[in-house]
């Protein structure tokens, strides 16, 4: 998997945070894939709702980055992976920015407990 520089990761996170700041969690600019079983189970175990997920995304830093950008073969664009320790467990977070310059949204494709320990090259 490609490894990005700290500047590239910081730039990606800045863009994510600009999209999310000031928008409510039920806004169309923020989508959490809650149809995936692993995501649902993790949200339930953590007692998290979309506002908690949004706050977790807003708290990400470059040191929480293990990989990306990864080409998305299903929908045009790139996927980025982050990890965060929440309530003592590592959570795997896969994000994607979709849209164009007029309207962008953040999609949280994965938000589930890691199946294997993540490696953080920027730590």
N, C-alpha and C. Protein backbone atom coordinates (compact mmCIF):
# COMPACT_ATOMS: atom_id res chain seq x y z
N UNK A 1 0.84 -1.18 0.00
CA UNK A 1 0.00 0.00 0.00
C UNK A 1 0.88 1.24 0.00
N UNK A 2 0.49 2.24 -0.77
CA UNK A 2 1.32 3.44 -0.82
C UNK A 2 1.34 4.17 0.53
N UNK A 3 2.46 4.77 0.80
CA UNK A 3 2.60 5.56 2.01
C UNK A 3 2.73 7.02 1.61
N UNK A 4 1.96 7.87 2.24
CA UNK A 4 1.98 9.30 1.96
C UNK A 4 2.88 10.01 2.96
N UNK A 5 3.26 11.24 2.61
CA UNK A 5 4.06 12.06 3.51
C UNK A 5 3.15 12.65 4.58
N UNK A 6 3.76 13.13 5.63
CA UNK A 6 2.99 13.75 6.71
C UNK A 6 2.22 14.97 6.18
N UNK A 7 2.80 15.69 5.21
CA UNK A 7 2.14 16.86 4.63
C UNK A 7 0.90 16.45 3.84
N UNK A 8 1.00 15.35 3.08
CA UNK A 8 -0.14 14.88 2.29
C UNK A 8 -1.28 14.41 3.19
N UNK A 9 -0.92 13.70 4.26
CA UNK A 9 -1.95 13.23 5.20
C UNK A 9 -2.59 14.42 5.91
N UNK A 10 -1.78 15.37 6.35
CA UNK A 10 -2.31 16.56 7.02
C UNK A 10 -3.24 17.34 6.09
N UNK A 11 -2.89 17.44 4.83
CA UNK A 11 -3.71 18.14 3.85
C UNK A 11 -5.05 17.42 3.66
N UNK A 12 -5.03 16.10 3.57
CA UNK A 12 -6.26 15.32 3.42
C UNK A 12 -7.16 15.51 4.64
N UNK A 13 -6.57 15.43 5.84
CA UNK A 13 -7.37 15.61 7.06
C UNK A 13 -7.93 17.03 7.16
N UNK A 14 -7.17 18.02 6.72
CA UNK A 14 -7.69 19.41 6.72
C UNK A 14 -8.92 19.50 5.84
N UNK A 15 -8.87 18.87 4.67
CA UNK A 15 -10.01 18.91 3.75
C UNK A 15 -11.22 18.22 4.37
N UNK A 16 -11.00 17.07 4.99
CA UNK A 16 -12.09 16.34 5.67
C UNK A 16 -12.73 17.23 6.74
N UNK A 17 -11.89 17.85 7.55
CA UNK A 17 -12.39 18.66 8.66
C UNK A 17 -13.13 19.89 8.17
N UNK A 18 -12.67 20.49 7.07
CA UNK A 18 -13.38 21.64 6.49
C UNK A 18 -14.78 21.24 6.02
N UNK A 19 -14.89 20.05 5.44
CA UNK A 19 -16.19 19.57 4.98
C UNK A 19 -17.11 19.32 6.17
N UNK A 20 -16.57 18.73 7.23
CA UNK A 20 -17.39 18.31 8.37
C UNK A 20 -17.72 19.43 9.35
N UNK A 21 -16.83 20.36 9.55
CA UNK A 21 -17.06 21.40 10.54
C UNK A 21 -18.26 22.25 10.15
N UNK A 22 -19.13 22.42 11.09
CA UNK A 22 -20.29 23.25 10.88
C UNK A 22 -21.46 22.53 10.22
N UNK A 23 -21.28 21.25 9.88
CA UNK A 23 -22.41 20.51 9.31
C UNK A 23 -22.91 19.51 10.34
N UNK A 24 -24.23 19.41 10.50
CA UNK A 24 -24.76 18.43 11.46
C UNK A 24 -24.46 17.01 11.02
N UNK A 25 -24.44 16.08 11.96
CA UNK A 25 -24.10 14.69 11.65
C UNK A 25 -25.09 14.03 10.72
N UNK A 26 -26.31 14.55 10.65
CA UNK A 26 -27.29 13.96 9.74
C UNK A 26 -27.29 14.67 8.38
N UNK A 27 -26.34 15.56 8.18
CA UNK A 27 -26.20 16.28 6.93
C UNK A 27 -25.70 15.32 5.84
N UNK A 28 -26.10 15.55 4.61
CA UNK A 28 -25.69 14.69 3.50
C UNK A 28 -24.20 14.76 3.21
N UNK A 29 -23.49 15.71 3.82
CA UNK A 29 -22.05 15.80 3.61
C UNK A 29 -21.29 14.80 4.47
N UNK A 30 -22.01 14.05 5.28
CA UNK A 30 -21.37 13.08 6.19
C UNK A 30 -22.18 11.79 6.17
N UNK A 31 -21.59 10.73 5.63
CA UNK A 31 -22.29 9.47 5.49
C UNK A 31 -21.48 8.37 6.18
N UNK A 32 -22.12 7.63 7.08
CA UNK A 32 -21.49 6.49 7.73
C UNK A 32 -22.16 5.23 7.19
N UNK A 33 -21.36 4.32 6.68
CA UNK A 33 -21.89 3.07 6.11
C UNK A 33 -22.35 2.16 7.24
N UNK A 34 -23.61 2.33 7.63
CA UNK A 34 -24.15 1.54 8.74
C UNK A 34 -24.85 0.27 8.26
N UNK A 35 -24.73 -0.03 6.98
CA UNK A 35 -25.31 -1.27 6.48
C UNK A 35 -24.34 -2.44 6.62
N UNK A 36 -23.10 -2.16 6.90
CA UNK A 36 -22.10 -3.22 7.07
C UNK A 36 -22.15 -3.77 8.48
N UNK A 37 -22.22 -5.08 8.59
CA UNK A 37 -22.34 -5.74 9.89
C UNK A 37 -21.26 -5.38 10.87
N UNK A 38 -19.99 -5.35 10.41
CA UNK A 38 -18.87 -5.03 11.31
C UNK A 38 -19.01 -3.62 11.87
N UNK A 39 -19.45 -2.69 11.02
CA UNK A 39 -19.62 -1.31 11.47
C UNK A 39 -20.72 -1.22 12.53
N UNK A 40 -21.84 -1.88 12.26
CA UNK A 40 -22.97 -1.86 13.19
C UNK A 40 -22.57 -2.45 14.53
N UNK A 41 -21.89 -3.59 14.49
CA UNK A 41 -21.46 -4.25 15.74
C UNK A 41 -20.54 -3.35 16.55
N UNK A 42 -19.59 -2.72 15.87
CA UNK A 42 -18.63 -1.85 16.58
C UNK A 42 -19.33 -0.64 17.18
N UNK A 43 -20.20 0.01 16.40
CA UNK A 43 -20.94 1.16 16.92
C UNK A 43 -21.76 0.76 18.13
N UNK A 44 -22.37 -0.39 18.09
CA UNK A 44 -23.18 -0.88 19.20
C UNK A 44 -22.32 -1.16 20.43
N UNK A 45 -21.20 -1.85 20.23
CA UNK A 45 -20.29 -2.17 21.35
C UNK A 45 -19.75 -0.90 22.00
N UNK A 46 -19.39 0.08 21.17
CA UNK A 46 -18.85 1.34 21.69
C UNK A 46 -19.93 2.28 22.21
N UNK A 47 -21.20 1.94 21.93
CA UNK A 47 -22.33 2.82 22.23
C UNK A 47 -22.14 4.17 21.54
N UNK A 48 -21.79 4.10 20.25
CA UNK A 48 -21.53 5.28 19.42
C UNK A 48 -22.68 5.51 18.46
N UNK A 49 -22.92 6.80 18.18
CA UNK A 49 -23.84 7.18 17.12
C UNK A 49 -23.05 7.98 16.08
N UNK A 50 -23.72 8.51 15.07
CA UNK A 50 -22.99 9.21 14.01
C UNK A 50 -22.27 10.47 14.52
N UNK A 51 -22.80 11.09 15.56
CA UNK A 51 -22.12 12.26 16.13
C UNK A 51 -20.78 11.84 16.74
N UNK A 52 -20.75 10.69 17.41
CA UNK A 52 -19.49 10.17 17.98
C UNK A 52 -18.49 9.84 16.88
N UNK A 53 -18.98 9.24 15.79
CA UNK A 53 -18.11 8.93 14.65
C UNK A 53 -17.53 10.22 14.08
N UNK A 54 -18.39 11.20 13.89
CA UNK A 54 -17.95 12.49 13.35
C UNK A 54 -16.87 13.10 14.26
N UNK A 55 -17.10 13.09 15.57
CA UNK A 55 -16.12 13.65 16.50
C UNK A 55 -14.80 12.88 16.46
N UNK A 56 -14.88 11.57 16.27
CA UNK A 56 -13.66 10.76 16.13
C UNK A 56 -12.90 11.17 14.88
N UNK A 57 -13.61 11.34 13.77
CA UNK A 57 -12.98 11.76 12.51
C UNK A 57 -12.33 13.14 12.70
N UNK A 58 -13.02 14.04 13.36
CA UNK A 58 -12.48 15.39 13.59
C UNK A 58 -11.24 15.36 14.49
N UNK A 59 -11.09 14.31 15.30
CA UNK A 59 -9.95 14.22 16.20
C UNK A 59 -8.74 13.53 15.58
N UNK A 60 -8.88 13.02 14.36
CA UNK A 60 -7.76 12.31 13.72
C UNK A 60 -6.59 13.24 13.44
N UNK A 61 -5.39 12.68 13.54
CA UNK A 61 -4.19 13.42 13.18
C UNK A 61 -3.34 12.56 12.24
N UNK A 62 -2.30 13.16 11.72
CA UNK A 62 -1.42 12.45 10.79
C UNK A 62 -0.83 11.18 11.40
N UNK A 63 -0.64 11.18 12.69
CA UNK A 63 -0.04 9.99 13.34
C UNK A 63 -1.03 8.83 13.43
N UNK A 64 -2.30 9.07 13.12
CA UNK A 64 -3.32 8.01 13.12
C UNK A 64 -3.43 7.33 11.75
N UNK A 65 -2.52 7.64 10.85
CA UNK A 65 -2.56 7.17 9.45
C UNK A 65 -1.72 5.92 9.24
N UNK A 66 -2.34 4.82 8.75
CA UNK A 66 -1.54 3.67 8.33
C UNK A 66 -1.36 3.55 6.81
N UNK A 67 -2.37 3.99 6.00
CA UNK A 67 -2.21 3.82 4.55
C UNK A 67 -3.17 4.69 3.75
N UNK A 68 -2.77 4.92 2.50
CA UNK A 68 -3.56 5.68 1.56
C UNK A 68 -2.69 6.69 0.86
N UNK A 69 -3.15 7.22 -0.24
CA UNK A 69 -4.43 6.90 -0.86
C UNK A 69 -4.40 5.53 -1.56
N UNK A 70 -5.56 4.90 -1.55
CA UNK A 70 -5.75 3.62 -2.22
C UNK A 70 -6.83 3.83 -3.27
N UNK A 71 -6.56 3.46 -4.50
CA UNK A 71 -7.52 3.66 -5.58
C UNK A 71 -8.78 2.84 -5.29
N UNK A 72 -9.93 3.50 -5.37
CA UNK A 72 -11.22 2.83 -5.21
C UNK A 72 -11.65 2.34 -6.58
N UNK A 73 -11.75 1.04 -6.73
CA UNK A 73 -12.14 0.47 -8.02
C UNK A 73 -13.64 0.54 -8.27
N UNK A 74 -14.43 0.74 -7.22
CA UNK A 74 -15.89 0.76 -7.36
C UNK A 74 -16.40 2.14 -7.78
N UNK A 75 -15.94 3.17 -7.09
CA UNK A 75 -16.39 4.54 -7.35
C UNK A 75 -15.15 5.42 -7.45
N UNK A 76 -15.11 6.28 -8.46
CA UNK A 76 -13.96 7.14 -8.69
C UNK A 76 -13.51 7.84 -7.41
N UNK A 77 -12.22 7.82 -7.18
CA UNK A 77 -11.65 8.48 -6.01
C UNK A 77 -10.71 7.58 -5.25
N UNK A 78 -10.21 8.11 -4.15
CA UNK A 78 -9.25 7.40 -3.32
C UNK A 78 -9.80 7.14 -1.92
N UNK A 79 -9.33 6.04 -1.35
CA UNK A 79 -9.66 5.68 0.02
C UNK A 79 -8.43 5.93 0.90
N UNK A 80 -8.69 6.37 2.10
CA UNK A 80 -7.62 6.58 3.07
C UNK A 80 -7.98 5.82 4.34
N UNK A 81 -6.98 5.23 4.98
CA UNK A 81 -7.21 4.43 6.18
C UNK A 81 -6.56 5.13 7.37
N UNK A 82 -7.30 5.12 8.48
CA UNK A 82 -6.80 5.65 9.74
C UNK A 82 -7.14 4.65 10.84
N UNK A 83 -6.49 4.80 11.96
CA UNK A 83 -6.79 3.95 13.11
C UNK A 83 -6.83 4.80 14.36
N UNK A 84 -7.65 4.37 15.30
CA UNK A 84 -7.79 5.14 16.54
C UNK A 84 -8.10 4.17 17.67
N UNK A 85 -7.45 4.37 18.80
CA UNK A 85 -7.78 3.57 19.98
C UNK A 85 -8.98 4.22 20.66
N UNK A 86 -10.06 3.44 20.77
CA UNK A 86 -11.29 3.93 21.40
C UNK A 86 -11.69 2.90 22.45
N UNK A 87 -11.82 3.37 23.68
CA UNK A 87 -12.19 2.51 24.80
C UNK A 87 -11.30 1.27 24.85
N UNK A 88 -9.99 1.49 24.61
CA UNK A 88 -9.00 0.43 24.72
C UNK A 88 -8.89 -0.50 23.53
N UNK A 89 -9.62 -0.24 22.46
CA UNK A 89 -9.56 -1.11 21.28
C UNK A 89 -9.26 -0.29 20.03
N UNK A 90 -8.47 -0.88 19.15
CA UNK A 90 -8.11 -0.20 17.91
C UNK A 90 -9.28 -0.29 16.91
N UNK A 91 -9.65 0.87 16.36
CA UNK A 91 -10.73 0.94 15.39
C UNK A 91 -10.13 1.30 14.03
N UNK A 92 -10.50 0.52 13.03
CA UNK A 92 -10.09 0.71 11.64
C UNK A 92 -11.09 1.65 10.98
N UNK A 93 -10.59 2.75 10.42
CA UNK A 93 -11.45 3.78 9.84
C UNK A 93 -11.03 4.01 8.38
N UNK A 94 -11.96 3.77 7.46
CA UNK A 94 -11.67 4.00 6.04
C UNK A 94 -12.56 5.14 5.56
N UNK A 95 -11.91 6.17 5.01
CA UNK A 95 -12.61 7.39 4.60
C UNK A 95 -12.45 7.66 3.11
N UNK A 96 -13.42 8.38 2.58
CA UNK A 96 -13.36 8.81 1.18
C UNK A 96 -14.06 10.15 1.06
N UNK A 97 -13.45 11.06 0.32
CA UNK A 97 -14.09 12.32 -0.04
C UNK A 97 -14.67 12.13 -1.44
N UNK A 98 -15.95 12.44 -1.57
CA UNK A 98 -16.62 12.32 -2.86
C UNK A 98 -17.21 13.66 -3.25
N UNK A 99 -17.47 13.81 -4.54
CA UNK A 99 -18.08 15.03 -5.03
C UNK A 99 -17.11 15.87 -5.82
N UNK A 100 -17.50 17.11 -6.05
CA UNK A 100 -16.67 18.04 -6.81
C UNK A 100 -16.47 19.31 -5.99
N UNK A 101 -15.87 20.31 -6.61
CA UNK A 101 -15.56 21.55 -5.88
C UNK A 101 -16.80 22.28 -5.36
N UNK A 102 -17.95 22.06 -5.98
CA UNK A 102 -19.18 22.74 -5.53
C UNK A 102 -19.78 22.04 -4.32
N UNK A 103 -19.66 20.72 -4.28
CA UNK A 103 -20.29 19.97 -3.19
C UNK A 103 -19.48 18.70 -2.91
N UNK A 104 -18.98 18.62 -1.71
CA UNK A 104 -18.20 17.44 -1.31
C UNK A 104 -18.84 16.80 -0.10
N UNK A 105 -18.64 15.48 0.01
CA UNK A 105 -19.12 14.77 1.19
C UNK A 105 -18.04 13.80 1.65
N UNK A 106 -18.09 13.49 2.94
CA UNK A 106 -17.18 12.53 3.55
C UNK A 106 -17.95 11.25 3.78
N UNK A 107 -17.44 10.16 3.21
CA UNK A 107 -18.04 8.84 3.43
C UNK A 107 -17.14 8.04 4.35
N UNK A 108 -17.73 7.51 5.41
CA UNK A 108 -17.02 6.62 6.33
C UNK A 108 -17.43 5.20 5.93
N UNK A 109 -16.57 4.56 5.15
CA UNK A 109 -16.89 3.24 4.62
C UNK A 109 -16.65 2.15 5.64
N UNK A 110 -15.65 2.36 6.50
CA UNK A 110 -15.37 1.39 7.56
C UNK A 110 -15.18 2.12 8.87
N UNK A 111 -15.77 1.58 9.90
CA UNK A 111 -15.58 2.07 11.26
C UNK A 111 -15.83 0.85 12.15
N UNK A 112 -14.80 0.01 12.23
CA UNK A 112 -14.96 -1.25 12.97
C UNK A 112 -13.65 -1.62 13.65
N UNK A 113 -13.75 -2.53 14.61
CA UNK A 113 -12.55 -2.98 15.30
C UNK A 113 -11.59 -3.60 14.30
N UNK A 114 -10.31 -3.29 14.45
CA UNK A 114 -9.29 -3.80 13.55
C UNK A 114 -9.22 -5.32 13.63
N UNK A 115 -9.07 -5.92 12.48
CA UNK A 115 -8.93 -7.38 12.43
C UNK A 115 -7.49 -7.79 12.63
N UNK A 116 -6.57 -6.88 12.34
CA UNK A 116 -5.16 -7.09 12.61
C UNK A 116 -4.55 -5.76 13.01
N UNK A 117 -3.49 -5.81 13.76
CA UNK A 117 -2.85 -4.59 14.27
C UNK A 117 -2.39 -3.72 13.11
N UNK A 118 -2.74 -2.44 13.14
CA UNK A 118 -2.34 -1.50 12.11
C UNK A 118 -0.92 -1.00 12.38
N UNK A 119 -0.21 -0.69 11.30
CA UNK A 119 1.13 -0.09 11.39
C UNK A 119 1.02 1.39 11.03
N UNK A 120 1.63 2.23 11.83
CA UNK A 120 1.52 3.68 11.66
C UNK A 120 2.87 4.26 11.26
N UNK A 121 3.11 4.46 9.96
CA UNK A 121 4.43 4.90 9.50
C UNK A 121 4.82 6.31 9.90
N UNK A 122 3.87 7.14 10.32
CA UNK A 122 4.18 8.53 10.66
C UNK A 122 4.32 8.76 12.16
N UNK A 123 4.38 7.68 12.92
CA UNK A 123 4.57 7.83 14.37
C UNK A 123 6.03 7.76 14.72
